[in-house]
């Protein structure tokens, strides 16, 4: 059985992902250097979009793909 992709609920149909939202930052490095290039994506009529680099799924709050089972993100990017 496959694991479901990491899912983030967002308020805006335009989102970004750099693959480093869950990577701890430090004095000598930035989290983005351990992720992937920042990409901007647009959520379509299905109510979600998947990052082509890390497969993180962004679901539009109250959209067709929002089942109400996940906590929402604090902003529109992957830093949640």
PDB file of N, CA and C in Angstrom:
ATOM      1  N   UNK A   1       0.842  -1.180   0.000  1.00  0.00           N
ATOM      2  CA  UNK A   1       0.000   0.000   0.000  1.00  0.00           C
ATOM      3  C   UNK A   1       0.886   1.242   0.000  1.00  0.00           C
ATOM      4  N   UNK A   2       0.534   2.213  -0.856  1.00  0.00           N
ATOM      5  CA  UNK A   2       1.315   3.441  -0.948  1.00  0.00           C
ATOM      6  C   UNK A   2       0.941   4.412   0.161  1.00  0.00           C
ATOM      7  N   UNK A   3       1.924   5.189   0.611  1.00  0.00           N
ATOM      8  CA  UNK A   3       1.653   6.246   1.582  1.00  0.00           C
ATOM      9  C   UNK A   3       1.024   7.426   0.854  1.00  0.00           C
ATOM     10  N   UNK A   4       0.086   8.076   1.501  1.00  0.00           N
ATOM     11  CA  UNK A   4      -0.527   9.277   0.935  1.00  0.00           C
ATOM     12  C   UNK A   4       0.500  10.396   0.952  1.00  0.00           C
ATOM     13  N   UNK A   5       0.442  11.335  -0.030  1.00  0.00           N
ATOM     14  CA  UNK A   5       1.392  12.448  -0.008  1.00  0.00           C
ATOM     15  C   UNK A   5       1.132  13.365   1.178  1.00  0.00           C
ATOM     16  N   UNK A   6       2.170  14.092   1.595  1.00  0.00           N
ATOM     17  CA  UNK A   6       1.994  15.097   2.639  1.00  0.00           C
ATOM     18  C   UNK A   6       1.018  16.143   2.109  1.00  0.00           C
ATOM     19  N   UNK A   7       0.039  16.510   2.900  1.00  0.00           N
ATOM     20  CA  UNK A   7      -1.013  17.414   2.448  1.00  0.00           C
ATOM     21  C   UNK A   7      -1.057  18.660   3.327  1.00  0.00           C
ATOM     22  N   UNK A   8      -1.216  19.818   2.672  1.00  0.00           N
ATOM     23  CA  UNK A   8      -1.307  21.099   3.355  1.00  0.00           C
ATOM     24  C   UNK A   8      -2.560  21.815   2.891  1.00  0.00           C
ATOM     25  N   UNK A   9      -3.387  22.260   3.832  1.00  0.00           N
ATOM     26  CA  UNK A   9      -4.577  23.046   3.503  1.00  0.00           C
ATOM     27  C   UNK A   9      -4.169  24.512   3.425  1.00  0.00           C
ATOM     28  N   UNK A  10      -4.559  25.195   2.329  1.00  0.00           N
ATOM     29  CA  UNK A  10      -4.172  26.591   2.118  1.00  0.00           C
ATOM     30  C   UNK A  10      -5.402  27.446   1.832  1.00  0.00           C
ATOM     31  N   UNK A  11      -5.261  28.751   2.027  1.00  0.00           N
ATOM     32  CA  UNK A  11      -6.358  29.700   1.808  1.00  0.00           C
ATOM     33  C   UNK A  11      -6.368  30.306   0.414  1.00  0.00           C
ATOM     34  N   UNK A  12      -5.264  30.223  -0.300  1.00  0.00           N
ATOM     35  CA  UNK A  12      -5.113  30.877  -1.596  1.00  0.00           C
ATOM     36  C   UNK A  12      -4.921  29.839  -2.702  1.00  0.00           C
ATOM     37  N   UNK A  13      -5.471  30.076  -3.893  1.00  0.00           N
ATOM     38  CA  UNK A  13      -5.264  29.133  -4.991  1.00  0.00           C
ATOM     39  C   UNK A  13      -3.847  29.195  -5.580  1.00  0.00           C
ATOM     40  N   UNK A  14      -3.077  30.196  -5.207  1.00  0.00           N
ATOM     41  CA  UNK A  14      -1.685  30.308  -5.676  1.00  0.00           C
ATOM     42  C   UNK A  14      -0.775  29.965  -4.506  1.00  0.00           C
ATOM     43  N   UNK A  15       0.047  28.932  -4.668  1.00  0.00           N
ATOM     44  CA  UNK A  15       0.905  28.441  -3.586  1.00  0.00           C
ATOM     45  C   UNK A  15       2.331  28.251  -4.087  1.00  0.00           C
ATOM     46  N   UNK A  16       3.265  28.162  -3.133  1.00  0.00           N
ATOM     47  CA  UNK A  16       4.655  27.860  -3.479  1.00  0.00           C
ATOM     48  C   UNK A  16       5.138  26.693  -2.646  1.00  0.00           C
ATOM     49  N   UNK A  17       6.164  26.026  -3.147  1.00  0.00           N
ATOM     50  CA  UNK A  17       6.784  24.926  -2.417  1.00  0.00           C
ATOM     51  C   UNK A  17       8.279  24.949  -2.701  1.00  0.00           C
ATOM     52  N   UNK A  18       9.075  24.755  -1.642  1.00  0.00           N
ATOM     53  CA  UNK A  18      10.523  24.627  -1.827  1.00  0.00           C
ATOM     54  C   UNK A  18      11.043  23.330  -1.217  1.00  0.00           C
ATOM     55  N   UNK A  19      10.132  22.481  -0.777  1.00  0.00           N
ATOM     56  CA  UNK A  19      10.508  21.177  -0.240  1.00  0.00           C
ATOM     57  C   UNK A  19      11.195  21.220   1.102  1.00  0.00           C
ATOM     58  N   UNK A  20      11.280  22.393   1.713  1.00  0.00           N
ATOM     59  CA  UNK A  20      12.037  22.519   2.953  1.00  0.00           C
ATOM     60  C   UNK A  20      11.176  22.973   4.114  1.00  0.00           C
ATOM     61  N   UNK A  21       9.887  22.884   4.013  1.00  0.00           N
ATOM     62  CA  UNK A  21       9.007  23.376   5.062  1.00  0.00           C
ATOM     63  C   UNK A  21       9.216  22.711   6.406  1.00  0.00           C
ATOM     64  N   UNK A  22       9.620  21.462   6.410  1.00  0.00           N
ATOM     65  CA  UNK A  22       9.795  20.734   7.660  1.00  0.00           C
ATOM     66  C   UNK A  22      11.257  20.548   8.044  1.00  0.00           C
ATOM     67  N   UNK A  23      12.162  21.216   7.310  1.00  0.00           N
ATOM     68  CA  UNK A  23      13.590  21.081   7.594  1.00  0.00           C
ATOM     69  C   UNK A  23      14.020  22.205   8.523  1.00  0.00           C
ATOM     70  N   UNK A  24      14.662  21.848   9.603  1.00  0.00           N
ATOM     71  CA  UNK A  24      15.115  22.823  10.599  1.00  0.00           C
ATOM     72  C   UNK A  24      16.202  23.717  10.011  1.00  0.00           C
ATOM     73  N   UNK A  25      16.094  25.018  10.255  1.00  0.00           N
ATOM     74  CA  UNK A  25      17.113  25.966   9.836  1.00  0.00           C
ATOM     75  C   UNK A  25      18.225  26.054  10.876  1.00  0.00           C
ATOM     76  N   UNK A  26      19.314  26.669  10.498  1.00  0.00           N
ATOM     77  CA  UNK A  26      20.427  26.810  11.428  1.00  0.00           C
ATOM     78  C   UNK A  26      21.260  28.025  11.104  1.00  0.00           C
ATOM     79  N   UNK A  27      22.261  28.278  11.935  1.00  0.00           N
ATOM     80  CA  UNK A  27      23.104  29.453  11.748  1.00  0.00           C
ATOM     81  C   UNK A  27      23.906  29.381  10.450  1.00  0.00           C
ATOM     82  N   UNK A  28      24.348  28.189  10.062  1.00  0.00           N
ATOM     83  CA  UNK A  28      25.236  28.056   8.912  1.00  0.00           C
ATOM     84  C   UNK A  28      24.566  27.569   7.636  1.00  0.00           C
ATOM     85  N   UNK A  29      23.270  27.344   7.659  1.00  0.00           N
ATOM     86  CA  UNK A  29      22.582  26.926   6.439  1.00  0.00           C
ATOM     87  C   UNK A  29      21.123  27.355   6.492  1.00  0.00           C
ATOM     88  N   UNK A  30      20.525  27.389   5.326  1.00  0.00           N
ATOM     89  CA  UNK A  30      19.112  27.728   5.213  1.00  0.00           C
ATOM     90  C   UNK A  30      18.345  26.471   4.818  1.00  0.00           C
ATOM     91  N   UNK A  31      17.138  26.306   5.302  1.00  0.00           N
ATOM     92  CA  UNK A  31      16.378  25.105   4.975  1.00  0.00           C
ATOM     93  C   UNK A  31      16.192  24.891   3.479  1.00  0.00           C
ATOM     94  N   UNK A  32      16.000  25.963   2.702  1.00  0.00           N
ATOM     95  CA  UNK A  32      15.765  25.809   1.267  1.00  0.00           C
ATOM     96  C   UNK A  32      16.948  25.139   0.565  1.00  0.00           C
ATOM     97  N   UNK A  33      18.143  25.272   1.119  1.00  0.00           N
ATOM     98  CA  UNK A  33      19.299  24.649   0.473  1.00  0.00           C
ATOM     99  C   UNK A  33      19.229  23.132   0.558  1.00  0.00           C
ATOM    100  N   UNK A  34      18.363  22.611   1.415  1.00  0.00           N
ATOM    101  CA  UNK A  34      18.216  21.167   1.551  1.00  0.00           C
ATOM    102  C   UNK A  34      16.956  20.646   0.874  1.00  0.00           C
ATOM    103  N   UNK A  35      16.154  21.519   0.292  1.00  0.00           N
ATOM    104  CA  UNK A  35      14.907  21.114  -0.339  1.00  0.00           C
ATOM    105  C   UNK A  35      15.056  21.030  -1.852  1.00  0.00           C
ATOM    106  N   UNK A  36      14.241  21.798  -2.571  1.00  0.00           N
ATOM    107  CA  UNK A  36      14.319  21.870  -4.032  1.00  0.00           C
ATOM    108  C   UNK A  36      14.060  23.313  -4.436  1.00  0.00           C
ATOM    109  N   UNK A  37      14.235  23.652  -5.720  1.00  0.00           N
ATOM    110  CA  UNK A  37      13.973  25.035  -6.135  1.00  0.00           C
ATOM    111  C   UNK A  37      12.534  25.438  -5.808  1.00  0.00           C
ATOM    112  N   UNK A  38      12.343  26.682  -5.398  1.00  0.00           N
ATOM    113  CA  UNK A  38      10.986  27.162  -5.096  1.00  0.00           C
ATOM    114  C   UNK A  38      10.180  27.203  -6.396  1.00  0.00           C
ATOM    115  N   UNK A  39       9.022  26.587  -6.365  1.00  0.00           N
ATOM    116  CA  UNK A  39       8.120  26.599  -7.509  1.00  0.00           C
ATOM    117  C   UNK A  39       6.776  27.163  -7.074  1.00  0.00           C
ATOM    118  N   UNK A  40       6.149  27.906  -7.969  1.00  0.00           N
ATOM    119  CA  UNK A  40       4.818  28.449  -7.733  1.00  0.00           C
ATOM    120  C   UNK A  40       3.827  27.623  -8.517  1.00  0.00           C
ATOM    121  N   UNK A  41       2.675  27.336  -7.893  1.00  0.00           N
ATOM    122  CA  UNK A  41       1.654  26.503  -8.526  1.00  0.00           C
ATOM    123  C   UNK A  41       0.290  27.138  -8.336  1.00  0.00           C
ATOM    124  N   UNK A  42      -0.639  26.781  -9.207  1.00  0.00           N
ATOM    125  CA  UNK A  42      -2.007  27.284  -9.154  1.00  0.00           C
ATOM    126  C   UNK A  42      -2.951  26.100  -8.950  1.00  0.00           C
ATOM    127  N   UNK A  43      -3.806  26.192  -7.934  1.00  0.00           N
ATOM    128  CA  UNK A  43      -4.794  25.144  -7.676  1.00  0.00           C
ATOM    129  C   UNK A  43      -5.915  25.290  -8.696  1.00  0.00           C
ATOM    130  N   UNK A  44      -6.278  24.179  -9.340  1.00  0.00           N
ATOM    131  CA  UNK A  44      -7.290  24.219 -10.395  1.00  0.00           C
ATOM    132  C   UNK A  44      -8.679  23.854  -9.879  1.00  0.00           C
ATOM    133  N   UNK A  45      -9.587  23.567 -10.788  1.00  0.00           N
ATOM    134  CA  UNK A  45     -10.981  23.291 -10.424  1.00  0.00           C
ATOM    135  C   UNK A  45     -11.165  22.010  -9.614  1.00  0.00           C
ATOM    136  N   UNK A  46     -10.153  21.156  -9.576  1.00  0.00           N
ATOM    137  CA  UNK A  46     -10.226  19.954  -8.748  1.00  0.00           C
ATOM    138  C   UNK A  46     -10.001  20.274  -7.273  1.00  0.00           C
ATOM    139  N   UNK A  47      -9.452  21.460  -6.987  1.00  0.00           N
ATOM    140  CA  UNK A  47      -9.287  21.903  -5.607  1.00  0.00           C
ATOM    141  C   UNK A  47      -7.959  21.557  -4.978  1.00  0.00           C
ATOM    142  N   UNK A  48      -7.008  21.022  -5.756  1.00  0.00           N
ATOM    143  CA  UNK A  48      -5.693  20.710  -5.216  1.00  0.00           C
ATOM    144  C   UNK A  48      -4.646  20.773  -6.317  1.00  0.00           C
ATOM    145  N   UNK A  49      -3.380  20.834  -5.888  1.00  0.00           N
ATOM    146  CA  UNK A  49      -2.248  20.747  -6.805  1.00  0.00           C
ATOM    147  C   UNK A  49      -1.130  19.998  -6.078  1.00  0.00           C
ATOM    148  N   UNK A  50      -0.365  19.198  -6.821  1.00  0.00           N
ATOM    149  CA  UNK A  50       0.755  18.447  -6.264  1.00  0.00           C
ATOM    150  C   UNK A  50       2.067  19.037  -6.756  1.00  0.00           C
ATOM    151  N   UNK A  51       3.038  19.140  -5.851  1.00  0.00           N
ATOM    152  CA  UNK A  51       4.375  19.613  -6.235  1.00  0.00           C
ATOM    153  C   UNK A  51       5.050  18.534  -7.077  1.00  0.00           C
ATOM    154  N   UNK A  52       5.605  18.927  -8.192  1.00  0.00           N
ATOM    155  CA  UNK A  52       6.277  17.992  -9.084  1.00  0.00           C
ATOM    156  C   UNK A  52       7.616  17.503  -8.553  1.00  0.00           C
ATOM    157  N   UNK A  53       8.185  18.202  -7.582  1.00  0.00           N
ATOM    158  CA  UNK A  53       9.457  17.795  -6.997  1.00  0.00           C
ATOM    159  C   UNK A  53       9.283  16.835  -5.824  1.00  0.00           C
ATOM    160  N   UNK A  54       8.449  17.206  -4.865  1.00  0.00           N
ATOM    161  CA  UNK A  54       8.388  16.436  -3.618  1.00  0.00           C
ATOM    162  C   UNK A  54       7.032  15.768  -3.375  1.00  0.00           C
ATOM    163  N   UNK A  55       6.088  15.937  -4.288  1.00  0.00           N
ATOM    164  CA  UNK A  55       4.756  15.327  -4.201  1.00  0.00           C
ATOM    165  C   UNK A  55       3.886  15.859  -3.071  1.00  0.00           C
ATOM    166  N   UNK A  56       4.294  16.956  -2.422  1.00  0.00           N
ATOM    167  CA  UNK A  56       3.441  17.554  -1.398  1.00  0.00           C
ATOM    168  C   UNK A  56       2.159  18.033  -2.082  1.00  0.00           C
ATOM    169  N   UNK A  57       1.020  17.770  -1.466  1.00  0.00           N
ATOM    170  CA  UNK A  57      -0.275  18.165  -2.023  1.00  0.00           C
ATOM    171  C   UNK A  57      -0.796  19.385  -1.278  1.00  0.00           C
ATOM    172  N   UNK A  58      -1.244  20.373  -2.039  1.00  0.00           N
ATOM    173  CA  UNK A  58      -1.849  21.587  -1.490  1.00  0.00           C
ATOM    174  C   UNK A  58      -3.328  21.566  -1.833  1.00  0.00           C
ATOM    175  N   UNK A  59      -4.169  21.635  -0.803  1.00  0.00           N
ATOM    176  CA  UNK A  59      -5.619  21.566  -0.969  1.00  0.00           C
ATOM    177  C   UNK A  59      -6.216  22.910  -0.576  1.00  0.00           C
ATOM    178  N   UNK A  60      -7.068  23.450  -1.448  1.00  0.00           N
ATOM    179  CA  UNK A  60      -7.713  24.734  -1.180  1.00  0.00           C
ATOM    180  C   UNK A  60      -8.794  24.560  -0.119  1.00  0.00           C
ATOM    181  N   UNK A  61      -8.698  25.360   0.941  1.00  0.00           N
ATOM    182  CA  UNK A  61      -9.672  25.307   2.038  1.00  0.00           C
ATOM    183  C   UNK A  61     -11.082  25.550   1.493  1.00  0.00           C
ATOM    184  N   UNK A  62     -12.019  24.697   1.895  1.00  0.00           N
ATOM    185  CA  UNK A  62     -13.423  24.746   1.466  1.00  0.00           C
ATOM    186  C   UNK A  62     -13.588  24.503  -0.027  1.00  0.00           C
ATOM    187  N   UNK A  63     -12.561  23.985  -0.697  1.00  0.00           N
ATOM    188  CA  UNK A  63     -12.651  23.642  -2.111  1.00  0.00           C
ATOM    189  C   UNK A  63     -13.161  22.223  -2.289  1.00  0.00           C
ATOM    190  N   UNK A  64     -13.290  21.768  -3.534  1.00  0.00           N
ATOM    191  CA  UNK A  64     -13.838  20.436  -3.796  1.00  0.00           C
ATOM    192  C   UNK A  64     -13.021  19.286  -3.205  1.00  0.00           C
ATOM    193  N   UNK A  65     -11.730  19.481  -3.001  1.00  0.00           N
ATOM    194  CA  UNK A  65     -10.889  18.407  -2.459  1.00  0.00           C
ATOM    195  C   UNK A  65     -10.739  18.474  -0.943  1.00  0.00           C
ATOM    196  N   UNK A  66     -11.295  19.501  -0.307  1.00  0.00           N
ATOM    197  CA  UNK A  66     -11.177  19.659   1.145  1.00  0.00           C
ATOM    198  C   UNK A  66     -12.219  18.787   1.833  1.00  0.00           C
ATOM    199  N   UNK A  67     -11.741  17.748   2.507  1.00  0.00           N
ATOM    200  CA  UNK A  67     -12.649  16.831   3.196  1.00  0.00           C
ATOM    201  C   UNK A  67     -12.849  17.225   4.649  1.00  0.00           C
ATOM    202  N   UNK A  68     -12.127  18.255   5.129  1.00  0.00           N
ATOM    203  CA  UNK A  68     -12.268  18.714   6.496  1.00  0.00           C
ATOM    204  C   UNK A  68     -11.541  17.858   7.514  1.00  0.00           C
ATOM    205  N   UNK A  69     -10.641  16.985   7.074  1.00  0.00           N
ATOM    206  CA  UNK A  69      -9.944  16.080   7.980  1.00  0.00           C
ATOM    207  C   UNK A  69      -8.544  16.543   8.347  1.00  0.00           C
ATOM    208  N   UNK A  70      -8.082  17.655   7.771  1.00  0.00           N
ATOM    209  CA  UNK A  70      -6.717  18.118   8.010  1.00  0.00           C
ATOM    210  C   UNK A  70      -6.716  19.510   8.616  1.00  0.00           C
ATOM    211  N   UNK A  71      -5.665  19.816   9.376  1.00  0.00           N
ATOM    212  CA  UNK A  71      -5.482  21.168   9.914  1.00  0.00           C
ATOM    213  C   UNK A  71      -5.007  22.075   8.786  1.00  0.00           C
ATOM    214  N   UNK A  72      -5.383  23.347   8.845  1.00  0.00           N
ATOM    215  CA  UNK A  72      -4.998  24.264   7.782  1.00  0.00           C
ATOM    216  C   UNK A  72      -3.627  24.873   8.014  1.00  0.00           C
ATOM    217  N   UNK A  73      -3.012  25.328   6.925  1.00  0.00           N
ATOM    218  CA  UNK A  73      -1.677  25.928   6.979  1.00  0.00           C
ATOM    219  C   UNK A  73      -1.763  27.356   7.485  1.00  0.00           C
ATOM    220  N   UNK A  74      -0.638  27.847   7.998  1.00  0.00           N
ATOM    221  CA  UNK A  74      -0.590  29.209   8.496  1.00  0.00           C
ATOM    222  C   UNK A  74      -0.352  30.225   7.400  1.00  0.00           C
ATOM    223  N   UNK A  75       0.178  29.791   6.255  1.00  0.00           N
ATOM    224  CA  UNK A  75       0.342  30.684   5.111  1.00  0.00           C
ATOM    225  C   UNK A  75       0.151  29.882   3.835  1.00  0.00           C
ATOM    226  N   UNK A  76       0.432  30.479   2.678  1.00  0.00           N
ATOM    227  CA  UNK A  76       0.147  29.817   1.411  1.00  0.00           C
ATOM    228  C   UNK A  76       1.312  29.014   0.864  1.00  0.00           C
ATOM    229  N   UNK A  77       2.380  28.882   1.625  1.00  0.00           N
ATOM    230  CA  UNK A  77       3.521  28.124   1.150  1.00  0.00           C
ATOM    231  C   UNK A  77       3.703  26.831   1.896  1.00  0.00           C
ATOM    232  N   UNK A  78       4.817  26.218   1.663  1.00  0.00           N
ATOM    233  CA  UNK A  78       5.110  24.913   2.251  1.00  0.00           C
ATOM    234  C   UNK A  78       5.712  25.011   3.620  1.00  0.00           C
ATOM    235  N   UNK A  79       5.756  26.170   4.186  1.00  0.00           N
ATOM    236  CA  UNK A  79       6.383  26.314   5.489  1.00  0.00           C
ATOM    237  C   UNK A  79       5.491  25.847   6.634  1.00  0.00           C
ATOM    238  N   UNK A  80       4.366  25.348   6.321  1.00  0.00           N
ATOM    239  CA  UNK A  80       3.441  24.900   7.365  1.00  0.00           C
ATOM    240  C   UNK A  80       3.873  23.572   7.954  1.00  0.00           C
TER     241      UNK A  80
END
